[in-house]
Amino acid sequence: MIERIDTGPRMSKIVKHGGVAYLCGQVGSGATVAEQTRDCLSRVETLLEKAGSSPERMLQVIIWLADMADFAEMNEVWDAWVPDGHAPARACGEAKLARPALKVEIIVTAAY
């Protein structure tokens, strides 16, 4: 069974299937990469909870940065947030994001 949560005409915020929750990409507000990363991760936590999951159950995370020069700043926030002993498989790359003000987008897949 496939369950879609908060579905709109373009996408669902969460899709659950076979014990796995797929979250849509999360972006945050703020002027800096650190601020946007903190906001993204707060939004991720909210969606994980809504999916019946948690940061400890993350399987894979994909992070897109508008500029890889921001890698260390983003990682400082990430490293403080990810639960000890529960780091997911992760990839990080540079991409042109949907709006010029966006500096980071985080995509999470988690068990529930």
PDB file of N, CA and C in Angstrom:
ATOM      1  N   MET A   1       0.837  -1.180   0.000  1.00  0.00           N
ATOM      2  CA  MET A   1       0.000   0.000   0.000  1.00  0.00           C
ATOM      3  C   MET A   1       0.887   1.250   0.000  1.00  0.00           C
ATOM      4  N   ILE A   2       0.509   2.214  -0.786  1.00  0.00           N
ATOM      5  CA  ILE A   2       1.209   3.493  -0.836  1.00  0.00           C
ATOM      6  C   ILE A   2       0.335   4.532  -0.141  1.00  0.00           C
ATOM      7  N   GLU A   3       0.925   5.271   0.800  1.00  0.00           N
ATOM      8  CA  GLU A   3       0.215   6.340   1.502  1.00  0.00           C
ATOM      9  C   GLU A   3       0.890   7.662   1.165  1.00  0.00           C
ATOM     10  N   ARG A   4       0.089   8.610   0.714  1.00  0.00           N
ATOM     11  CA  ARG A   4       0.599   9.945   0.384  1.00  0.00           C
ATOM     12  C   ARG A   4       0.048  10.931   1.408  1.00  0.00           C
ATOM     13  N   ILE A   5       0.918  11.763   1.959  1.00  0.00           N
ATOM     14  CA  ILE A   5       0.538  12.707   2.995  1.00  0.00           C
ATOM     15  C   ILE A   5       0.814  14.127   2.504  1.00  0.00           C
ATOM     16  N   ASP A   6      -0.149  15.008   2.761  1.00  0.00           N
ATOM     17  CA  ASP A   6      -0.043  16.407   2.322  1.00  0.00           C
ATOM     18  C   ASP A   6       0.222  16.483   0.813  1.00  0.00           C
ATOM     19  N   THR A   7      -0.696  15.888   0.071  1.00  0.00           N
ATOM     20  CA  THR A   7      -0.566  15.823  -1.380  1.00  0.00           C
ATOM     21  C   THR A   7      -1.182  17.045  -2.042  1.00  0.00           C
ATOM     22  N   GLY A   8      -0.454  17.611  -2.961  1.00  0.00           N
ATOM     23  CA  GLY A   8      -0.937  18.736  -3.756  1.00  0.00           C
ATOM     24  C   GLY A   8      -0.921  18.350  -5.220  1.00  0.00           C
ATOM     25  N   PRO A   9      -1.157  19.308  -6.102  1.00  0.00           N
ATOM     26  CA  PRO A   9      -1.195  18.991  -7.529  1.00  0.00           C
ATOM     27  C   PRO A   9       0.167  18.599  -8.108  1.00  0.00           C
ATOM     28  N   ARG A  10       1.251  19.039  -7.469  1.00  0.00           N
ATOM     29  CA  ARG A  10       2.589  18.784  -8.000  1.00  0.00           C
ATOM     30  C   ARG A  10       3.320  17.667  -7.272  1.00  0.00           C
ATOM     31  N   MET A  11       3.108  17.557  -5.962  1.00  0.00           N
ATOM     32  CA  MET A  11       3.869  16.581  -5.179  1.00  0.00           C
ATOM     33  C   MET A  11       3.207  16.333  -3.838  1.00  0.00           C
ATOM     34  N   SER A  12       3.672  15.290  -3.187  1.00  0.00           N
ATOM     35  CA  SER A  12       3.290  14.995  -1.809  1.00  0.00           C
ATOM     36  C   SER A  12       4.478  15.345  -0.930  1.00  0.00           C
ATOM     37  N   LYS A  13       4.211  15.825   0.288  1.00  0.00           N
ATOM     38  CA  LYS A  13       5.311  16.113   1.203  1.00  0.00           C
ATOM     39  C   LYS A  13       5.939  14.831   1.721  1.00  0.00           C
ATOM     40  N   ILE A  14       5.103  13.776   1.854  1.00  0.00           N
ATOM     41  CA  ILE A  14       5.584  12.480   2.333  1.00  0.00           C
ATOM     42  C   ILE A  14       4.904  11.395   1.520  1.00  0.00           C
ATOM     43  N   VAL A  15       5.671  10.384   1.111  1.00  0.00           N
ATOM     44  CA  VAL A  15       5.111   9.167   0.519  1.00  0.00           C
ATOM     45  C   VAL A  15       5.667   8.003   1.327  1.00  0.00           C
ATOM     46  N   LYS A  16       4.750   7.152   1.813  1.00  0.00           N
ATOM     47  CA  LYS A  16       5.139   5.995   2.618  1.00  0.00           C
ATOM     48  C   LYS A  16       4.815   4.713   1.864  1.00  0.00           C
ATOM     49  N   HIS A  17       5.778   3.790   1.873  1.00  0.00           N
ATOM     50  CA  HIS A  17       5.569   2.507   1.211  1.00  0.00           C
ATOM     51  C   HIS A  17       6.570   1.496   1.760  1.00  0.00           C
ATOM     52  N   GLY A  18       6.084   0.322   2.107  1.00  0.00           N
ATOM     53  CA  GLY A  18       6.968  -0.767   2.498  1.00  0.00           C
ATOM     54  C   GLY A  18       7.884  -0.449   3.664  1.00  0.00           C
ATOM     55  N   GLY A  19       7.408   0.327   4.628  1.00  0.00           N
ATOM     56  CA  GLY A  19       8.228   0.651   5.789  1.00  0.00           C
ATOM     57  C   GLY A  19       9.211   1.788   5.575  1.00  0.00           C
ATOM     58  N   VAL A  20       9.118   2.452   4.428  1.00  0.00           N
ATOM     59  CA  VAL A  20      10.020   3.554   4.111  1.00  0.00           C
ATOM     60  C   VAL A  20       9.208   4.821   3.848  1.00  0.00           C
ATOM     61  N   ALA A  21       9.661   5.927   4.424  1.00  0.00           N
ATOM     62  CA  ALA A  21       9.048   7.241   4.195  1.00  0.00           C
ATOM     63  C   ALA A  21       9.996   8.076   3.340  1.00  0.00           C
ATOM     64  N   TYR A  22       9.470   8.617   2.263  1.00  0.00           N
ATOM     65  CA  TYR A  22      10.223   9.469   1.348  1.00  0.00           C
ATOM     66  C   TYR A  22       9.721  10.891   1.543  1.00  0.00           C
ATOM     67  N   LEU A  23      10.599  11.796   1.919  1.00  0.00           N
ATOM     68  CA  LEU A  23      10.208  13.192   2.122  1.00  0.00           C
ATOM     69  C   LEU A  23      10.560  14.013   0.901  1.00  0.00           C
ATOM     70  N   CYS A  24       9.710  14.977   0.598  1.00  0.00           N
ATOM     71  CA  CYS A  24      10.053  15.904  -0.487  1.00  0.00           C
ATOM     72  C   CYS A  24      11.215  16.777  -0.015  1.00  0.00           C
ATOM     73  N   GLY A  25      11.903  17.387  -0.944  1.00  0.00           N
ATOM     74  CA  GLY A  25      13.028  18.246  -0.605  1.00  0.00           C
ATOM     75  C   GLY A  25      12.591  19.396   0.277  1.00  0.00           C
ATOM     76  N   GLN A  26      13.406  19.677   1.285  1.00  0.00           N
ATOM     77  CA  GLN A  26      13.112  20.755   2.217  1.00  0.00           C
ATOM     78  C   GLN A  26      14.117  21.881   2.046  1.00  0.00           C
ATOM     79  N   VAL A  27      13.602  23.095   1.984  1.00  0.00           N
ATOM     80  CA  VAL A  27      14.428  24.289   1.961  1.00  0.00           C
ATOM     81  C   VAL A  27      14.069  25.106   3.190  1.00  0.00           C
ATOM     82  N   GLY A  28      14.938  26.014   3.554  1.00  0.00           N
ATOM     83  CA  GLY A  28      14.689  26.806   4.751  1.00  0.00           C
ATOM     84  C   GLY A  28      14.794  28.284   4.474  1.00  0.00           C
ATOM     85  N   SER A  29      14.451  29.048   5.495  1.00  0.00           N
ATOM     86  CA  SER A  29      14.569  30.496   5.373  1.00  0.00           C
ATOM     87  C   SER A  29      15.781  30.957   6.173  1.00  0.00           C
ATOM     88  N   GLY A  30      16.226  32.152   5.871  1.00  0.00           N
ATOM     89  CA  GLY A  30      17.380  32.732   6.543  1.00  0.00           C
ATOM     90  C   GLY A  30      18.356  33.271   5.521  1.00  0.00           C
ATOM     91  N   ALA A  31      19.259  34.094   6.004  1.00  0.00           N
ATOM     92  CA  ALA A  31      20.228  34.738   5.111  1.00  0.00           C
ATOM     93  C   ALA A  31      21.474  33.899   4.886  1.00  0.00           C
ATOM     94  N   THR A  32      21.796  33.026   5.847  1.00  0.00           N
ATOM     95  CA  THR A  32      23.041  32.261   5.748  1.00  0.00           C
ATOM     96  C   THR A  32      22.744  30.782   5.512  1.00  0.00           C
ATOM     97  N   VAL A  33      23.767  30.053   5.100  1.00  0.00           N
ATOM     98  CA  VAL A  33      23.633  28.605   4.928  1.00  0.00           C
ATOM     99  C   VAL A  33      23.301  27.952   6.259  1.00  0.00           C
ATOM    100  N   ALA A  34      23.935  28.401   7.339  1.00  0.00           N
ATOM    101  CA  ALA A  34      23.664  27.833   8.658  1.00  0.00           C
ATOM    102  C   ALA A  34      22.202  28.032   9.044  1.00  0.00           C
ATOM    103  N   GLU A  35      21.675  29.228   8.857  1.00  0.00           N
ATOM    104  CA  GLU A  35      20.266  29.501   9.191  1.00  0.00           C
ATOM    105  C   GLU A  35      19.336  28.640   8.345  1.00  0.00           C
ATOM    106  N   GLN A  36      19.597  28.573   7.057  1.00  0.00           N
ATOM    107  CA  GLN A  36      18.743  27.776   6.178  1.00  0.00           C
ATOM    108  C   GLN A  36      18.848  26.291   6.516  1.00  0.00           C
ATOM    109  N   THR A  37      20.037  25.816   6.852  1.00  0.00           N
ATOM    110  CA  THR A  37      20.208  24.403   7.209  1.00  0.00           C
ATOM    111  C   THR A  37      19.432  24.082   8.477  1.00  0.00           C
ATOM    112  N   ARG A  38      19.549  24.929   9.505  1.00  0.00           N
ATOM    113  CA  ARG A  38      18.797  24.714  10.748  1.00  0.00           C
ATOM    114  C   ARG A  38      17.299  24.670  10.478  1.00  0.00           C
ATOM    115  N   ASP A  39      16.800  25.583   9.649  1.00  0.00           N
ATOM    116  CA  ASP A  39      15.371  25.615   9.327  1.00  0.00           C
ATOM    117  C   ASP A  39      14.969  24.367   8.540  1.00  0.00           C
ATOM    118  N   CYS A  40      15.789  23.962   7.573  1.00  0.00           N
ATOM    119  CA  CYS A  40      15.525  22.727   6.806  1.00  0.00           C
ATOM    120  C   CYS A  40      15.401  21.538   7.747  1.00  0.00           C
ATOM    121  N   LEU A  41      16.340  21.407   8.660  1.00  0.00           N
ATOM    122  CA  LEU A  41      16.365  20.256   9.553  1.00  0.00           C
ATOM    123  C   LEU A  41      15.180  20.269  10.517  1.00  0.00           C
ATOM    124  N   SER A  42      14.748  21.447  10.907  1.00  0.00           N
ATOM    125  CA  SER A  42      13.538  21.550  11.729  1.00  0.00           C
ATOM    126  C   SER A  42      12.325  21.059  10.942  1.00  0.00           C
ATOM    127  N   ARG A  43      12.246  21.430   9.683  1.00  0.00           N
ATOM    128  CA  ARG A  43      11.146  20.981   8.815  1.00  0.00           C
ATOM    129  C   ARG A  43      11.218  19.470   8.587  1.00  0.00           C
ATOM    130  N   VAL A  44      12.430  18.951   8.424  1.00  0.00           N
ATOM    131  CA  VAL A  44      12.622  17.502   8.265  1.00  0.00           C
ATOM    132  C   VAL A  44      12.101  16.781   9.503  1.00  0.00           C
ATOM    133  N   GLU A  45      12.460  17.264  10.672  1.00  0.00           N
ATOM    134  CA  GLU A  45      11.993  16.632  11.914  1.00  0.00           C
ATOM    135  C   GLU A  45      10.472  16.603  11.985  1.00  0.00           C
ATOM    136  N   THR A  46       9.832  17.702  11.616  1.00  0.00           N
ATOM    137  CA  THR A  46       8.368  17.777  11.628  1.00  0.00           C
ATOM    138  C   THR A  46       7.770  16.744  10.682  1.00  0.00           C
ATOM    139  N   LEU A  47       8.314  16.631   9.482  1.00  0.00           N
ATOM    140  CA  LEU A  47       7.795  15.663   8.514  1.00  0.00           C
ATOM    141  C   LEU A  47       8.071  14.229   8.952  1.00  0.00           C
ATOM    142  N   LEU A  48       9.244  13.985   9.505  1.00  0.00           N
ATOM    143  CA  LEU A  48       9.549  12.631   9.987  1.00  0.00           C
ATOM    144  C   LEU A  48       8.556  12.217  11.074  1.00  0.00           C
ATOM    145  N   GLU A  49       8.277  13.123  11.980  1.00  0.00           N
ATOM    146  CA  GLU A  49       7.305  12.833  13.044  1.00  0.00           C
ATOM    147  C   GLU A  49       5.927  12.532  12.439  1.00  0.00           C
ATOM    148  N   LYS A  50       5.536  13.330  11.467  1.00  0.00           N
ATOM    149  CA  LYS A  50       4.240  13.143  10.796  1.00  0.00           C
ATOM    150  C   LYS A  50       4.189  11.782  10.082  1.00  0.00           C
ATOM    151  N   ALA A  51       5.340  11.310   9.627  1.00  0.00           N
ATOM    152  CA  ALA A  51       5.432  10.021   8.925  1.00  0.00           C
ATOM    153  C   ALA A  51       5.550   8.852   9.896  1.00  0.00           C
ATOM    154  N   GLY A  52       5.641   9.158  11.199  1.00  0.00           N
ATOM    155  CA  GLY A  52       5.826   8.085  12.180  1.00  0.00           C
ATOM    156  C   GLY A  52       7.268   7.645  12.293  1.00  0.00           C
ATOM    157  N   SER A  53       8.182   8.551  11.993  1.00  0.00           N
ATOM    158  CA  SER A  53       9.609   8.237  12.006  1.00  0.00           C
ATOM    159  C   SER A  53      10.342   9.257  12.868  1.00  0.00           C
ATOM    160  N   SER A  54      11.669   9.276  12.753  1.00  0.00           N
ATOM    161  CA  SER A  54      12.495  10.199  13.531  1.00  0.00           C
ATOM    162  C   SER A  54      13.878  10.294  12.881  1.00  0.00           C
ATOM    163  N   PRO A  55      14.682  11.277  13.303  1.00  0.00           N
ATOM    164  CA  PRO A  55      16.039  11.375  12.748  1.00  0.00           C
ATOM    165  C   PRO A  55      16.865  10.113  12.972  1.00  0.00           C
ATOM    166  N   GLU A  56      16.603   9.371  14.031  1.00  0.00           N
ATOM    167  CA  GLU A  56      17.340   8.139  14.296  1.00  0.00           C
ATOM    168  C   GLU A  56      17.041   7.055  13.266  1.00  0.00           C
ATOM    169  N   ARG A  57      15.973   7.211  12.499  1.00  0.00           N
ATOM    170  CA  ARG A  57      15.553   6.185  11.539  1.00  0.00           C
ATOM    171  C   ARG A  57      15.843   6.592  10.082  1.00  0.00           C
ATOM    172  N   MET A  58      16.625   7.665   9.901  1.00  0.00           N
ATOM    173  CA  MET A  58      16.978   8.084   8.540  1.00  0.00           C
ATOM    174  C   MET A  58      17.845   7.023   7.875  1.00  0.00           C
ATOM    175  N   LEU A  59      17.562   6.745   6.620  1.00  0.00           N
ATOM    176  CA  LEU A  59      18.324   5.780   5.844  1.00  0.00           C
ATOM    177  C   LEU A  59      19.308   6.484   4.906  1.00  0.00           C
ATOM    178  N   GLN A  60      18.811   7.498   4.211  1.00  0.00           N
ATOM    179  CA  GLN A  60      19.621   8.211   3.225  1.00  0.00           C
ATOM    180  C   GLN A  60      19.228   9.679   3.216  1.00  0.00           C
ATOM    181  N   VAL A  61      20.221  10.529   3.053  1.00  0.00           N
ATOM    182  CA  VAL A  61      19.993  11.969   2.932  1.00  0.00           C
ATOM    183  C   VAL A  61      20.792  12.476   1.742  1.00  0.00           C
ATOM    184  N   ILE A  62      20.137  13.292   0.930  1.00  0.00           N
ATOM    185  CA  ILE A  62      20.802  13.962  -0.188  1.00  0.00           C
ATOM    186  C   ILE A  62      20.714  15.455   0.081  1.00  0.00           C
ATOM    187  N   ILE A  63      21.848  16.119   0.050  1.00  0.00           N
ATOM    188  CA  ILE A  63      21.901  17.553   0.315  1.00  0.00           C
ATOM    189  C   ILE A  63      22.423  18.247  -0.935  1.00  0.00           C
ATOM    190  N   TRP A  64      21.674  19.243  -1.373  1.00  0.00           N
ATOM    191  CA  TRP A  64      22.100  20.075  -2.494  1.00  0.00           C
ATOM    192  C   TRP A  64      22.483  21.450  -1.947  1.00  0.00           C
ATOM    193  N   LEU A  65      23.652  21.920  -2.300  1.00  0.00           N
ATOM    194  CA  LEU A  65      24.105  23.265  -1.951  1.00  0.00           C
ATOM    195  C   LEU A  65      24.187  24.102  -3.219  1.00  0.00           C
ATOM    196  N   ALA A  66      23.802  25.353  -3.119  1.00  0.00           N
ATOM    197  CA  ALA A  66      23.930  26.248  -4.271  1.00  0.00           C
ATOM    198  C   ALA A  66      25.399  26.514  -4.573  1.00  0.00           C
ATOM    199  N   ASP A  67      26.243  26.393  -3.546  1.00  0.00           N
ATOM    200  CA  ASP A  67      27.679  26.635  -3.713  1.00  0.00           C
ATOM    201  C   ASP A  67      28.440  25.712  -2.760  1.00  0.00           C
ATOM    202  N   MET A  68      29.279  24.849  -3.288  1.00  0.00           N
ATOM    203  CA  MET A  68      30.034  23.906  -2.452  1.00  0.00           C
ATOM    204  C   MET A  68      30.993  24.620  -1.500  1.00  0.00           C
ATOM    205  N   ALA A  69      31.224  25.912  -1.713  1.00  0.00           N
ATOM    206  CA  ALA A  69      32.039  26.676  -0.766  1.00  0.00           C
ATOM    207  C   ALA A  69      31.358  26.739   0.606  1.00  0.00           C
ATOM    208  N   ASP A  70      30.066  26.454   0.652  1.00  0.00           N
ATOM    209  CA  ASP A  70      29.291  26.470   1.904  1.00  0.00           C
ATOM    210  C   ASP A  70      29.269  25.111   2.608  1.00  0.00           C
ATOM    211  N   PHE A  71      30.017  24.139   2.100  1.00  0.00           N
ATOM    212  CA  PHE A  71      30.001  22.772   2.629  1.00  0.00           C
ATOM    213  C   PHE A  71      30.327  22.727   4.128  1.00  0.00           C
ATOM    214  N   ALA A  72      31.387  23.402   4.553  1.00  0.00           N
ATOM    215  CA  ALA A  72      31.800  23.366   5.962  1.00  0.00           C
ATOM    216  C   ALA A  72      30.745  24.007   6.860  1.00  0.00           C
ATOM    217  N   GLU A  73      30.167  25.115   6.441  1.00  0.00           N
ATOM    218  CA  GLU A  73      29.140  25.802   7.239  1.00  0.00           C
ATOM    219  C   GLU A  73      27.901  24.921   7.398  1.00  0.00           C
ATOM    220  N   MET A  74      27.479  24.278   6.323  1.00  0.00           N
ATOM    221  CA  MET A  74      26.331  23.375   6.397  1.00  0.00           C
ATOM    222  C   MET A  74      26.654  22.193   7.299  1.00  0.00           C
ATOM    223  N   ASN A  75      27.849  21.605   7.141  1.00  0.00           N
ATOM    224  CA  ASN A  75      28.240  20.438   7.937  1.00  0.00           C
ATOM    225  C   ASN A  75      28.316  20.743   9.428  1.00  0.00           C
ATOM    226  N   GLU A  76      28.676  21.954   9.792  1.00  0.00           N
ATOM    227  CA  GLU A  76      28.725  22.320  11.208  1.00  0.00           C
ATOM    228  C   GLU A  76      27.330  22.182  11.837  1.00  0.00           C
ATOM    229  N   VAL A  77      26.300  22.628  11.133  1.00  0.00           N
ATOM    230  CA  VAL A  77      24.919  22.508  11.618  1.00  0.00           C
ATOM    231  C   VAL A  77      24.481  21.047  11.564  1.00  0.00           C
ATOM    232  N   TRP A  78      24.760  20.377  10.462  1.00  0.00           N
ATOM    233  CA  TRP A  78      24.379  18.973  10.290  1.00  0.00           C
ATOM    234  C   TRP A  78      24.985  18.105  11.400  1.00  0.00           C
ATOM    235  N   ASP A  79      26.293  18.258  11.622  1.00  0.00           N
ATOM    236  CA  ASP A  79      26.990  17.429  12.600  1.00  0.00           C
ATOM    237  C   ASP A  79      26.425  17.604  14.012  1.00  0.00           C
ATOM    238  N   ALA A  80      25.985  18.800  14.338  1.00  0.00           N
ATOM    239  CA  ALA A  80      25.392  19.051  15.652  1.00  0.00           C
ATOM    240  C   ALA A  80      23.985  18.471  15.757  1.00  0.00           C
ATOM    241  N   TRP A  81      23.314  18.288  14.622  1.00  0.00           N
ATOM    242  CA  TRP A  81      21.916  17.834  14.600  1.00  0.00           C
ATOM    243  C   TRP A  81      21.768  16.324  14.492  1.00  0.00           C
ATOM    244  N   VAL A  82      22.569  15.677  13.662  1.00  0.00           N
ATOM    245  CA  VAL A  82      22.382  14.238  13.408  1.00  0.00           C
ATOM    246  C   VAL A  82      22.632  13.456  14.708  1.00  0.00           C
ATOM    247  N   PRO A  83      21.705  12.550  15.051  1.00  0.00           N
ATOM    248  CA  PRO A  83      21.851  11.810  16.309  1.00  0.00           C
ATOM    249  C   PRO A  83      23.109  10.930  16.312  1.00  0.00           C
ATOM    250  N   ASP A  84      23.840  10.960  17.420  1.00  0.00           N
ATOM    251  CA  ASP A  84      25.048  10.134  17.559  1.00  0.00           C
ATOM    252  C   ASP A  84      24.729   8.673  17.260  1.00  0.00           C
ATOM    253  N   GLY A  85      25.553   8.068  16.426  1.00  0.00           N
ATOM    254  CA  GLY A  85      25.395   6.659  16.104  1.00  0.00           C
ATOM    255  C   GLY A  85      24.303   6.360  15.091  1.00  0.00           C
ATOM    256  N   HIS A  86      23.653   7.402  14.553  1.00  0.00           N
ATOM    257  CA  HIS A  86      22.544   7.195  13.623  1.00  0.00           C
ATOM    258  C   HIS A  86      22.734   7.972  12.319  1.00  0.00           C
ATOM    259  N   ALA A  87      23.966   8.205  11.932  1.00  0.00           N
ATOM    260  CA  ALA A  87      24.219   8.929  10.682  1.00  0.00           C
ATOM    261  C   ALA A  87      23.721   8.099   9.499  1.00  0.00           C
ATOM    262  N   PRO A  88      22.936   8.706   8.609  1.00  0.00           N
ATOM    263  CA  PRO A  88      22.446   7.985   7.432  1.00  0.00           C
ATOM    264  C   PRO A  88      23.515   7.940   6.339  1.00  0.00           C
ATOM    265  N   ALA A  89      23.266   7.136   5.324  1.00  0.00           N
ATOM    266  CA  ALA A  89      24.066   7.246   4.105  1.00  0.00           C
ATOM    267  C   ALA A  89      23.778   8.652   3.565  1.00  0.00           C
ATOM    268  N   ARG A  90      24.793   9.350   3.074  1.00  0.00           N
ATOM    269  CA  ARG A  90      24.582  10.741   2.690  1.00  0.00           C
ATOM    270  C   ARG A  90      25.386  11.102   1.462  1.00  0.00           C
ATOM    271  N   ALA A  91      24.789  11.959   0.647  1.00  0.00           N
ATOM    272  CA  ALA A  91      25.485  12.544  -0.495  1.00  0.00           C
ATOM    273  C   ALA A  91      25.260  14.045  -0.447  1.00  0.00           C
ATOM    274  N   CYS A  92      26.233  14.788  -0.938  1.00  0.00           N
ATOM    275  CA  CYS A  92      26.103  16.245  -0.987  1.00  0.00           C
ATOM    276  C   CYS A  92      26.732  16.724  -2.286  1.00  0.00           C
ATOM    277  N   GLY A  93      26.000  17.576  -2.983  1.00  0.00           N
ATOM    278  CA  GLY A  93      26.517  18.103  -4.235  1.00  0.00           C
ATOM    279  C   GLY A  93      26.053  19.527  -4.457  1.00  0.00           C
ATOM    280  N   GLU A  94      26.552  20.116  -5.512  1.00  0.00           N
ATOM    281  CA  GLU A  94      26.190  21.481  -5.864  1.00  0.00           C
ATOM    282  C   GLU A  94      25.148  21.446  -6.968  1.00  0.00           C
ATOM    283  N   ALA A  95      24.126  22.310  -6.825  1.00  0.00           N
ATOM    284  CA  ALA A  95      23.074  22.386  -7.834  1.00  0.00           C
ATOM    285  C   ALA A  95      22.473  23.782  -7.855  1.00  0.00           C
ATOM    286  N   LYS A  96      21.964  24.161  -8.991  1.00  0.00           N
ATOM    287  CA  LYS A  96      21.204  25.406  -9.073  1.00  0.00           C
ATOM    288  C   LYS A  96      19.843  25.114  -8.451  1.00  0.00           C
ATOM    289  N   LEU A  97      19.496  25.814  -7.379  1.00  0.00           N
ATOM    290  CA  LEU A  97      18.246  25.569  -6.671  1.00  0.00           C
ATOM    291  C   LEU A  97      17.119  26.410  -7.271  1.00  0.00           C
ATOM    292  N   ALA A  98      15.897  26.159  -6.820  1.00  0.00           N
ATOM    293  CA  ALA A  98      14.698  26.725  -7.448  1.00  0.00           C
ATOM    294  C   ALA A  98      14.622  28.252  -7.420  1.00  0.00           C
ATOM    295  N   ARG A  99      15.190  28.856  -6.377  1.00  0.00           N
ATOM    296  CA  ARG A  99      15.171  30.323  -6.260  1.00  0.00           C
ATOM    297  C   ARG A  99      16.563  30.811  -5.894  1.00  0.00           C
ATOM    298  N   PRO A 100      16.957  31.977  -6.356  1.00  0.00           N
ATOM    299  CA  PRO A 100      18.311  32.473  -6.084  1.00  0.00           C
ATOM    300  C   PRO A 100      18.648  32.605  -4.597  1.00  0.00           C
ATOM    301  N   ALA A 101      17.676  32.881  -3.751  1.00  0.00           N
ATOM    302  CA  ALA A 101      17.930  33.058  -2.315  1.00  0.00           C
ATOM    303  C   ALA A 101      18.210  31.737  -1.598  1.00  0.00           C
ATOM    304  N   LEU A 102      17.853  30.616  -2.227  1.00  0.00           N
ATOM    305  CA  LEU A 102      18.049  29.317  -1.585  1.00  0.00           C
ATOM    306  C   LEU A 102      19.511  28.897  -1.654  1.00  0.00           C
ATOM    307  N   LYS A 103      20.007  28.410  -0.509  1.00  0.00           N
ATOM    308  CA  LYS A 103      21.392  27.980  -0.419  1.00  0.00           C
ATOM    309  C   LYS A 103      21.539  26.481  -0.172  1.00  0.00           C
ATOM    310  N   VAL A 104      20.464  25.840   0.338  1.00  0.00           N
ATOM    311  CA  VAL A 104      20.536  24.419   0.675  1.00  0.00           C
ATOM    312  C   VAL A 104      19.158  23.782   0.514  1.00  0.00           C
ATOM    313  N   GLU A 105      19.157  22.539   0.050  1.00  0.00           N
ATOM    314  CA  GLU A 105      17.945  21.725  -0.008  1.00  0.00           C
ATOM    315  C   GLU A 105      18.314  20.335   0.491  1.00  0.00           C
ATOM    316  N   ILE A 106      17.448  19.775   1.358  1.00  0.00           N
ATOM    317  CA  ILE A 106      17.726  18.484   1.982  1.00  0.00           C
ATOM    318  C   ILE A 106      16.596  17.514   1.669  1.00  0.00           C
ATOM    319  N   ILE A 107      16.959  16.328   1.188  1.00  0.00           N
ATOM    320  CA  ILE A 107      15.997  15.283   0.811  1.00  0.00           C
ATOM    321  C   ILE A 107      16.280  14.065   1.681  1.00  0.00           C
ATOM    322  N   VAL A 108      15.244  13.561   2.371  1.00  0.00           N
ATOM    323  CA  VAL A 108      15.435  12.494   3.348  1.00  0.00           C
ATOM    324  C   VAL A 108      14.565  11.286   3.019  1.00  0.00           C
ATOM    325  N   THR A 109      15.152  10.108   3.179  1.00  0.00           N
ATOM    326  CA  THR A 109      14.443   8.837   3.132  1.00  0.00           C
ATOM    327  C   THR A 109      14.668   8.169   4.486  1.00  0.00           C
ATOM    328  N   ALA A 110      13.575   7.674   5.108  1.00  0.00           N
ATOM    329  CA  ALA A 110      13.709   7.114   6.461  1.00  0.00           C
ATOM    330  C   ALA A 110      12.790   5.906   6.629  1.00  0.00           C
ATOM    331  N   ALA A 111      13.169   5.015   7.525  1.00  0.00           N
ATOM    332  CA  ALA A 111      12.299   3.915   7.917  1.00  0.00           C
ATOM    333  C   ALA A 111      11.250   4.474   8.878  1.00  0.00           C
ATOM    334  N   TYR A 112      10.094   3.818   8.899  1.00  0.00           N
ATOM    335  CA  TYR A 112       9.080   4.217   9.892  1.00  0.00           C
ATOM    336  C   TYR A 112       8.555   3.006  10.609  1.00  0.00           C
TER     337      TYR A 112
END
